[in-house]
Amino acid sequence: MHTAHLSALTAKHSKLDQRIAVEAQRPLPDQMLIAQLKKEKLRVKEEMAR
């Protein structure tokens, strides 16, 4: 069960990373959205470290 949870967190972390990259490439990136996504990505990373 722990492995499945870690796999899900890894997938979520990767998806957030992709969303950040896509938003950053836009002509006028939404900095508030990028900050929110980065916070969520950090929260997921911290959860993975537990």
Protein backbone atom coordinates (compact mmCIF):
# COMPACT_ATOMS: atom_id res chain seq x y z
CA MET A 1 0.00 0.00 0.00
CA HIS A 2 2.83 2.40 0.84
CA THR A 3 4.35 1.82 -2.60
CA ALA A 4 1.06 2.64 -4.35
CA HIS A 5 0.75 5.85 -2.34
CA LEU A 6 4.32 6.84 -3.19
CA SER A 7 3.70 6.09 -6.88
CA ALA A 8 0.60 8.27 -6.84
CA LEU A 9 2.51 11.11 -5.19
CA THR A 10 5.34 10.77 -7.71
CA ALA A 11 2.86 10.95 -10.58
CA LYS A 12 1.16 14.01 -9.05
CA HIS A 13 4.55 15.69 -8.55
CA SER A 14 5.46 15.04 -12.19
CA LYS A 15 2.10 16.34 -13.44
CA LEU A 16 2.49 19.53 -11.39
CA ASP A 17 5.98 19.99 -12.83
CA GLN A 18 4.55 19.70 -16.36
CA ARG A 19 1.76 22.20 -15.60
CA ILE A 20 4.33 24.69 -14.26
CA ALA A 21 6.45 24.30 -17.39
CA VAL A 22 3.44 24.76 -19.70
CA GLU A 23 2.26 27.86 -17.85
CA ALA A 24 5.77 29.36 -17.84
CA GLN A 25 5.97 28.99 -21.64
CA ARG A 26 2.81 31.02 -22.26
CA PRO A 27 3.28 34.56 -23.63
CA LEU A 28 1.81 36.05 -20.43
CA PRO A 29 2.23 33.41 -17.72
CA ASP A 30 -0.03 33.67 -14.68
CA GLN A 31 2.50 34.17 -11.88
CA MET A 32 -0.10 33.55 -9.17
CA LEU A 33 -0.99 30.19 -10.72
CA ILE A 34 2.69 29.26 -11.02
CA ALA A 35 3.26 30.14 -7.35
CA GLN A 36 0.24 28.06 -6.33
CA LEU A 37 1.42 25.09 -8.40
CA LYS A 38 4.92 25.34 -6.92
CA LYS A 39 3.52 25.35 -3.37
CA GLU A 40 1.45 22.27 -4.16
CA LYS A 41 4.48 20.59 -5.73
CA LEU A 42 6.53 21.31 -2.59
CA ARG A 43 3.76 19.91 -0.39
CA VAL A 44 3.71 16.72 -2.46
CA LYS A 45 7.52 16.48 -2.28
CA GLU A 46 7.41 16.83 1.51
CA GLU A 47 4.74 14.11 1.68
CA MET A 48 6.96 11.83 -0.43
CA ALA A 49 9.85 12.35 2.01
CA ARG A 50 7.81 11.00 4.94
